[in-house]
Amino acid sequence: MIKKINNTEAFIEKLRKEGKVRTLNSPEDIKAILELNKQMEEVRRDFINKNNESEKSATQTYLD
């Protein structure tokens, strides 16, 4: 029989007891999250553009 091992709950509880877990719902936290999301959107867009350019370049290259 397969037994699934999941230490996540115990790990989260340990962090809570150590005071290392908090809810991110203050206005400052929300502002930081929104800024991070904006930066990640820019990074994703940049990656997609570079990937498209790379694919375009690869289609124009041939090997002898």
Protein backbone atom coordinates (compact mmCIF):
# COMPACT_ATOMS: atom_id res chain seq x y z
CA MET A 1 0.00 0.00 0.00
CA ILE A 2 1.26 3.47 -0.86
CA LYS A 3 1.42 5.96 1.97
CA LYS A 4 1.49 9.61 1.03
CA ILE A 5 3.86 11.69 3.13
CA ASN A 6 2.96 15.34 3.51
CA ASN A 7 4.86 17.45 6.00
CA THR A 8 3.33 20.73 4.88
CA GLU A 9 0.78 21.05 7.67
CA ALA A 10 3.36 20.28 10.36
CA PHE A 11 5.82 22.72 8.79
CA ILE A 12 3.24 25.52 8.63
CA GLU A 13 2.21 24.89 12.23
CA LYS A 14 5.85 25.02 13.33
CA LEU A 15 6.30 28.37 11.55
CA ARG A 16 3.14 29.72 13.19
CA LYS A 17 4.43 28.77 16.64
CA GLU A 18 7.71 30.53 15.86
CA GLY A 19 5.80 33.65 14.79
CA LYS A 20 7.08 33.50 11.23
CA VAL A 21 3.65 33.40 9.54
CA ARG A 22 1.33 36.33 9.06
CA THR A 23 -1.63 37.22 6.88
CA LEU A 24 -0.82 39.63 4.09
CA ASN A 25 -3.93 41.78 4.11
CA SER A 26 -2.74 45.20 5.25
CA PRO A 27 -2.84 48.07 2.73
CA GLU A 28 0.96 48.02 2.50
CA ASP A 29 0.96 44.28 1.82
CA ILE A 30 -1.69 44.60 -0.87
CA LYS A 31 0.24 47.46 -2.49
CA ALA A 32 3.42 45.36 -2.50
CA ILE A 33 1.58 42.37 -3.97
CA LEU A 34 0.08 44.48 -6.74
CA GLU A 35 3.50 45.95 -7.55
CA LEU A 36 5.01 42.46 -7.66
CA ASN A 37 2.22 41.30 -9.98
CA LYS A 38 2.89 44.27 -12.26
CA GLN A 39 6.62 43.48 -12.37
CA MET A 40 5.94 39.81 -13.06
CA GLU A 41 3.60 40.73 -15.91
CA GLU A 42 6.39 42.81 -17.46
CA VAL A 43 8.88 39.95 -17.04
CA ARG A 44 6.46 37.47 -18.63
CA ARG A 45 5.79 39.82 -21.53
CA ASP A 46 9.53 40.35 -22.04
CA PHE A 47 10.13 36.59 -21.99
CA ILE A 48 7.37 35.96 -24.52
CA ASN A 49 8.76 38.66 -26.83
CA LYS A 50 12.29 37.25 -26.60
CA ASN A 51 11.01 33.73 -27.15
CA ASN A 52 9.06 34.82 -30.23
CA GLU A 53 12.11 36.61 -31.62
CA SER A 54 14.24 33.52 -30.97
CA GLU A 55 11.75 31.28 -32.78
CA LYS A 56 11.56 33.73 -35.67
CA SER A 57 15.35 33.79 -35.92
CA ALA A 58 15.50 30.00 -35.78
CA THR A 59 13.06 29.66 -38.68
CA GLN A 60 15.25 31.91 -40.81
CA THR A 61 18.38 29.91 -40.10
CA TYR A 62 19.23 26.70 -41.89
CA LEU A 63 22.07 24.28 -41.51
CA ASP A 64 24.01 22.76 -44.38
